[in-house]
Amino acid sequence: MLRIALTAILAGFTTSATAAEIHRFLGAERCGTCHVAQLQAWKAGPHANALRSLTQRQADSPACASCHNMAPEGPPELRGVQCESCHGPGRAYAPAAVMRDSVLAKLMGLESVTPQTCAQCHRGSAPGLGAFEYAETIQEVCTNRLPRGSEGPASQ
């Protein structure tokens, strides 16, 4: 019954970060309080530096910021490509009791990463990107850089 009610409540949620939706994001550091290994792997990967890879002019461009900046209108700790850029805004699914129930976490907005998730930004029209092959490139992303067996709930 709770899951049905939550599904109805969440039906209108999206992952775009408008100024009115910024409060739904927690930031990678907050995710890392539970997902320590994933945070460290993310920091060592390309997404952690995606915003810094742009010139100021590019960073100010909505076309570039849509992929390189999770929450352009948000505080500095929400800027760049972070966990929630791919997994969806985490405020609703971050509580430990929710994360322990994979069905409930998904109902609360936790998104699985698929080739389509990546293709939203990694598309042929993106400057500086070559051909994107999900099976090959995903090895550079946070959870796939972890030692075997340490993936935990964040990669599910």
C-alpha atoms as a PDB file:
ATOM      1  CA  MET A   1       0.000   0.000   0.000  1.00  0.00           C
ATOM      2  CA  LEU A   2       2.813   2.422   0.906  1.00  0.00           C
ATOM      3  CA  ARG A   3       4.585   1.667  -2.376  1.00  0.00           C
ATOM      4  CA  ILE A   4       1.418   2.394  -4.381  1.00  0.00           C
ATOM      5  CA  ALA A   5       0.966   5.731  -2.608  1.00  0.00           C
ATOM      6  CA  LEU A   6       4.604   6.638  -3.148  1.00  0.00           C
ATOM      7  CA  THR A   7       4.358   5.771  -6.830  1.00  0.00           C
ATOM      8  CA  ALA A   8       1.429   8.173  -7.213  1.00  0.00           C
ATOM      9  CA  ILE A   9       3.277  10.928  -5.356  1.00  0.00           C
ATOM     10  CA  LEU A  10       6.422  10.459  -7.409  1.00  0.00           C
ATOM     11  CA  ALA A  11       4.731  10.307 -10.792  1.00  0.00           C
ATOM     12  CA  GLY A  12       5.609  13.921 -11.591  1.00  0.00           C
ATOM     13  CA  PHE A  13       9.252  13.832 -10.465  1.00  0.00           C
ATOM     14  CA  THR A  14      11.965  14.413 -13.060  1.00  0.00           C
ATOM     15  CA  THR A  15      15.742  14.568 -12.831  1.00  0.00           C
ATOM     16  CA  SER A  16      16.145  18.045 -14.332  1.00  0.00           C
ATOM     17  CA  ALA A  17      17.423  20.579 -11.818  1.00  0.00           C
ATOM     18  CA  THR A  18      15.427  23.759 -12.008  1.00  0.00           C
ATOM     19  CA  ALA A  19      15.903  26.397  -9.325  1.00  0.00           C
ATOM     20  CA  ALA A  20      12.707  25.182  -7.642  1.00  0.00           C
ATOM     21  CA  GLU A  21      13.980  21.576  -7.530  1.00  0.00           C
ATOM     22  CA  ILE A  22      17.478  22.172  -6.131  1.00  0.00           C
ATOM     23  CA  HIS A  23      16.327  21.109  -2.652  1.00  0.00           C
ATOM     24  CA  ARG A  24      15.885  17.550  -3.963  1.00  0.00           C
ATOM     25  CA  PHE A  25      19.655  17.113  -4.426  1.00  0.00           C
ATOM     26  CA  LEU A  26      22.073  16.159  -1.654  1.00  0.00           C
ATOM     27  CA  GLY A  27      25.434  16.127  -3.447  1.00  0.00           C
ATOM     28  CA  ALA A  28      28.152  13.519  -3.847  1.00  0.00           C
ATOM     29  CA  GLU A  29      29.716  14.199  -0.449  1.00  0.00           C
ATOM     30  CA  ARG A  30      26.405  13.364   1.254  1.00  0.00           C
ATOM     31  CA  CYS A  31      26.055  10.178  -0.819  1.00  0.00           C
ATOM     32  CA  GLY A  32      29.610   9.331   0.217  1.00  0.00           C
ATOM     33  CA  THR A  33      28.746   9.247   3.909  1.00  0.00           C
ATOM     34  CA  CYS A  34      27.315   5.779   3.257  1.00  0.00           C
ATOM     35  CA  HIS A  35      28.900   4.950  -0.100  1.00  0.00           C
ATOM     36  CA  VAL A  36      32.514   5.693   0.833  1.00  0.00           C
ATOM     37  CA  ALA A  37      34.192   3.518  -1.806  1.00  0.00           C
ATOM     38  CA  GLN A  38      31.904   4.848  -4.550  1.00  0.00           C
ATOM     39  CA  LEU A  39      32.698   8.446  -3.567  1.00  0.00           C
ATOM     40  CA  GLN A  40      36.439   7.795  -3.716  1.00  0.00           C
ATOM     41  CA  ALA A  41      36.131   6.044  -7.088  1.00  0.00           C
ATOM     42  CA  TRP A  42      33.998   8.925  -8.420  1.00  0.00           C
ATOM     43  CA  LYS A  43      36.586  11.456  -7.276  1.00  0.00           C
ATOM     44  CA  ALA A  44      39.228   9.559  -9.261  1.00  0.00           C
ATOM     45  CA  GLY A  45      37.070   9.339 -12.381  1.00  0.00           C
ATOM     46  CA  PRO A  46      36.229  11.674 -15.251  1.00  0.00           C
ATOM     47  CA  HIS A  47      32.826  12.847 -13.987  1.00  0.00           C
ATOM     48  CA  ALA A  48      34.304  14.543 -10.923  1.00  0.00           C
ATOM     49  CA  ASN A  49      36.245  16.881 -13.210  1.00  0.00           C
ATOM     50  CA  ALA A  50      33.640  17.373 -15.950  1.00  0.00           C
ATOM     51  CA  LEU A  51      32.744  20.941 -14.980  1.00  0.00           C
ATOM     52  CA  ARG A  52      36.374  21.947 -14.473  1.00  0.00           C
ATOM     53  CA  SER A  53      37.134  20.711 -17.986  1.00  0.00           C
ATOM     54  CA  LEU A  54      35.101  23.594 -19.445  1.00  0.00           C
ATOM     55  CA  THR A  55      36.135  27.175 -20.094  1.00  0.00           C
ATOM     56  CA  GLN A  56      34.120  29.780 -18.167  1.00  0.00           C
ATOM     57  CA  ARG A  57      32.226  30.626 -21.355  1.00  0.00           C
ATOM     58  CA  GLN A  58      31.317  26.951 -21.842  1.00  0.00           C
ATOM     59  CA  ALA A  59      30.348  26.550 -18.188  1.00  0.00           C
ATOM     60  CA  ASP A  60      27.970  29.494 -18.545  1.00  0.00           C
ATOM     61  CA  SER A  61      26.392  28.005 -21.680  1.00  0.00           C
ATOM     62  CA  PRO A  62      23.135  26.113 -21.043  1.00  0.00           C
ATOM     63  CA  ALA A  63      24.072  23.707 -23.846  1.00  0.00           C
ATOM     64  CA  CYS A  64      27.276  22.685 -22.043  1.00  0.00           C
ATOM     65  CA  ALA A  65      25.975  23.017 -18.486  1.00  0.00           C
ATOM     66  CA  SER A  66      23.091  20.631 -19.167  1.00  0.00           C
ATOM     67  CA  CYS A  67      25.603  17.761 -19.153  1.00  0.00           C
ATOM     68  CA  HIS A  68      28.561  19.128 -17.205  1.00  0.00           C
ATOM     69  CA  ASN A  69      26.625  20.625 -14.294  1.00  0.00           C
ATOM     70  CA  MET A  70      23.990  18.793 -12.248  1.00  0.00           C
ATOM     71  CA  ALA A  71      22.565  21.919 -10.615  1.00  0.00           C
ATOM     72  CA  PRO A  72      23.782  25.129 -12.300  1.00  0.00           C
ATOM     73  CA  GLU A  73      21.520  27.256 -10.113  1.00  0.00           C
ATOM     74  CA  GLY A  74      22.475  25.399  -6.949  1.00  0.00           C
ATOM     75  CA  PRO A  75      25.198  25.908  -4.373  1.00  0.00           C
ATOM     76  CA  PRO A  76      28.807  24.980  -5.252  1.00  0.00           C
ATOM     77  CA  GLU A  77      28.573  21.586  -3.554  1.00  0.00           C
ATOM     78  CA  LEU A  78      25.929  20.540  -6.112  1.00  0.00           C
ATOM     79  CA  ARG A  79      27.843  21.597  -9.199  1.00  0.00           C
ATOM     80  CA  GLY A  80      29.424  19.255 -11.698  1.00  0.00           C
ATOM     81  CA  VAL A  81      28.546  15.691 -12.685  1.00  0.00           C
ATOM     82  CA  GLN A  82      27.724  13.888  -9.467  1.00  0.00           C
ATOM     83  CA  CYS A  83      26.011  10.707  -8.308  1.00  0.00           C
ATOM     84  CA  GLU A  84      22.556  12.238  -8.665  1.00  0.00           C
ATOM     85  CA  SER A  85      23.278  13.342 -12.237  1.00  0.00           C
ATOM     86  CA  CYS A  86      22.818   9.690 -13.183  1.00  0.00           C
ATOM     87  CA  HIS A  87      20.918   8.186 -10.239  1.00  0.00           C
ATOM     88  CA  GLY A  88      18.358  11.002  -9.832  1.00  0.00           C
ATOM     89  CA  PRO A  89      17.876  13.507  -7.003  1.00  0.00           C
ATOM     90  CA  GLY A  90      18.503  11.643  -3.756  1.00  0.00           C
ATOM     91  CA  ARG A  91      16.686  13.434  -0.962  1.00  0.00           C
ATOM     92  CA  ALA A  92      13.722  11.024  -1.099  1.00  0.00           C
ATOM     93  CA  TYR A  93      15.697   7.788  -1.463  1.00  0.00           C
ATOM     94  CA  ALA A  94      18.755   8.592   0.675  1.00  0.00           C
ATOM     95  CA  PRO A  95      17.433   7.553   4.095  1.00  0.00           C
ATOM     96  CA  ALA A  96      19.011   4.256   5.128  1.00  0.00           C
ATOM     97  CA  ALA A  97      15.621   2.563   5.610  1.00  0.00           C
ATOM     98  CA  VAL A  98      14.700   3.392   2.016  1.00  0.00           C
ATOM     99  CA  MET A  99      18.072   2.365   0.548  1.00  0.00           C
ATOM    100  CA  ARG A 100      17.823  -1.048   2.257  1.00  0.00           C
ATOM    101  CA  ASP A 101      14.662  -1.765   0.224  1.00  0.00           C
ATOM    102  CA  SER A 102      15.628  -1.710  -3.465  1.00  0.00           C
ATOM    103  CA  VAL A 103      12.012  -1.573  -4.658  1.00  0.00           C
ATOM    104  CA  LEU A 104      11.198   1.317  -2.341  1.00  0.00           C
ATOM    105  CA  ALA A 105      14.416   3.136  -3.285  1.00  0.00           C
ATOM    106  CA  LYS A 106      13.418   2.944  -6.954  1.00  0.00           C
ATOM    107  CA  LEU A 107       9.912   4.128  -6.133  1.00  0.00           C
ATOM    108  CA  MET A 108      11.475   7.059  -4.296  1.00  0.00           C
ATOM    109  CA  GLY A 109      13.495   8.032  -7.357  1.00  0.00           C
ATOM    110  CA  LEU A 110      16.714   5.984  -7.388  1.00  0.00           C
ATOM    111  CA  GLU A 111      17.459   5.395 -11.048  1.00  0.00           C
ATOM    112  CA  SER A 112      19.478   2.516 -12.460  1.00  0.00           C
ATOM    113  CA  VAL A 113      22.172   3.573 -14.898  1.00  0.00           C
ATOM    114  CA  THR A 114      21.569   2.229 -18.395  1.00  0.00           C
ATOM    115  CA  PRO A 115      23.026   2.987 -21.821  1.00  0.00           C
ATOM    116  CA  GLN A 116      20.120   5.431 -22.270  1.00  0.00           C
ATOM    117  CA  THR A 117      21.127   7.269 -19.082  1.00  0.00           C
ATOM    118  CA  CYS A 118      24.611   7.822 -20.459  1.00  0.00           C
ATOM    119  CA  ALA A 119      23.360   8.672 -23.960  1.00  0.00           C
ATOM    120  CA  GLN A 120      21.591  11.760 -22.607  1.00  0.00           C
ATOM    121  CA  CYS A 121      25.022  13.436 -22.503  1.00  0.00           C
ATOM    122  CA  HIS A 122      27.341  11.037 -24.321  1.00  0.00           C
ATOM    123  CA  ARG A 123      25.887  11.537 -27.766  1.00  0.00           C
ATOM    124  CA  GLY A 124      27.534  12.070 -31.131  1.00  0.00           C
ATOM    125  CA  SER A 125      26.748  15.797 -31.165  1.00  0.00           C
ATOM    126  CA  ALA A 126      28.700  16.471 -27.960  1.00  0.00           C
ATOM    127  CA  PRO A 127      31.940  18.280 -28.825  1.00  0.00           C
ATOM    128  CA  GLY A 128      35.137  16.586 -27.725  1.00  0.00           C
ATOM    129  CA  LEU A 129      33.536  13.177 -27.382  1.00  0.00           C
ATOM    130  CA  GLY A 130      34.304  10.380 -29.733  1.00  0.00           C
ATOM    131  CA  ALA A 131      32.027   7.444 -30.324  1.00  0.00           C
ATOM    132  CA  PHE A 132      30.482   6.316 -27.043  1.00  0.00           C
ATOM    133  CA  GLU A 133      30.440   2.588 -26.405  1.00  0.00           C
ATOM    134  CA  TYR A 134      28.583   1.909 -23.152  1.00  0.00           C
ATOM    135  CA  ALA A 135      30.109  -1.529 -22.493  1.00  0.00           C
ATOM    136  CA  GLU A 136      33.647  -0.164 -22.824  1.00  0.00           C
ATOM    137  CA  THR A 137      33.210   3.305 -21.328  1.00  0.00           C
ATOM    138  CA  ILE A 138      31.225   2.259 -18.262  1.00  0.00           C
ATOM    139  CA  GLN A 139      34.477   0.801 -16.919  1.00  0.00           C
ATOM    140  CA  GLU A 140      35.596   4.389 -16.265  1.00  0.00           C
ATOM    141  CA  VAL A 141      32.574   5.242 -14.108  1.00  0.00           C
ATOM    142  CA  CYS A 142      32.584   5.249 -10.305  1.00  0.00           C
ATOM    143  CA  THR A 143      31.120   1.878  -9.330  1.00  0.00           C
ATOM    144  CA  ASN A 144      32.934  -0.061 -12.022  1.00  0.00           C
ATOM    145  CA  ARG A 145      36.306   1.241 -10.817  1.00  0.00           C
ATOM    146  CA  LEU A 146      35.779  -0.371  -7.419  1.00  0.00           C
ATOM    147  CA  PRO A 147      37.428  -3.572  -6.221  1.00  0.00           C
ATOM    148  CA  ARG A 148      35.250  -6.613  -6.889  1.00  0.00           C
ATOM    149  CA  GLY A 149      32.604  -7.091  -4.180  1.00  0.00           C
ATOM    150  CA  SER A 150      32.483  -3.470  -2.958  1.00  0.00           C
ATOM    151  CA  GLU A 151      29.768  -2.185  -5.279  1.00  0.00           C
ATOM    152  CA  GLY A 152      26.993  -2.157  -2.673  1.00  0.00           C
ATOM    153  CA  PRO A 153      23.563  -0.552  -3.141  1.00  0.00           C
ATOM    154  CA  ALA A 154      24.819   2.437  -5.151  1.00  0.00           C
ATOM    155  CA  SER A 155      25.542   0.308  -8.200  1.00  0.00           C
ATOM    156  CA  GLN A 156      22.273  -1.575  -8.232  1.00  0.00           C
END
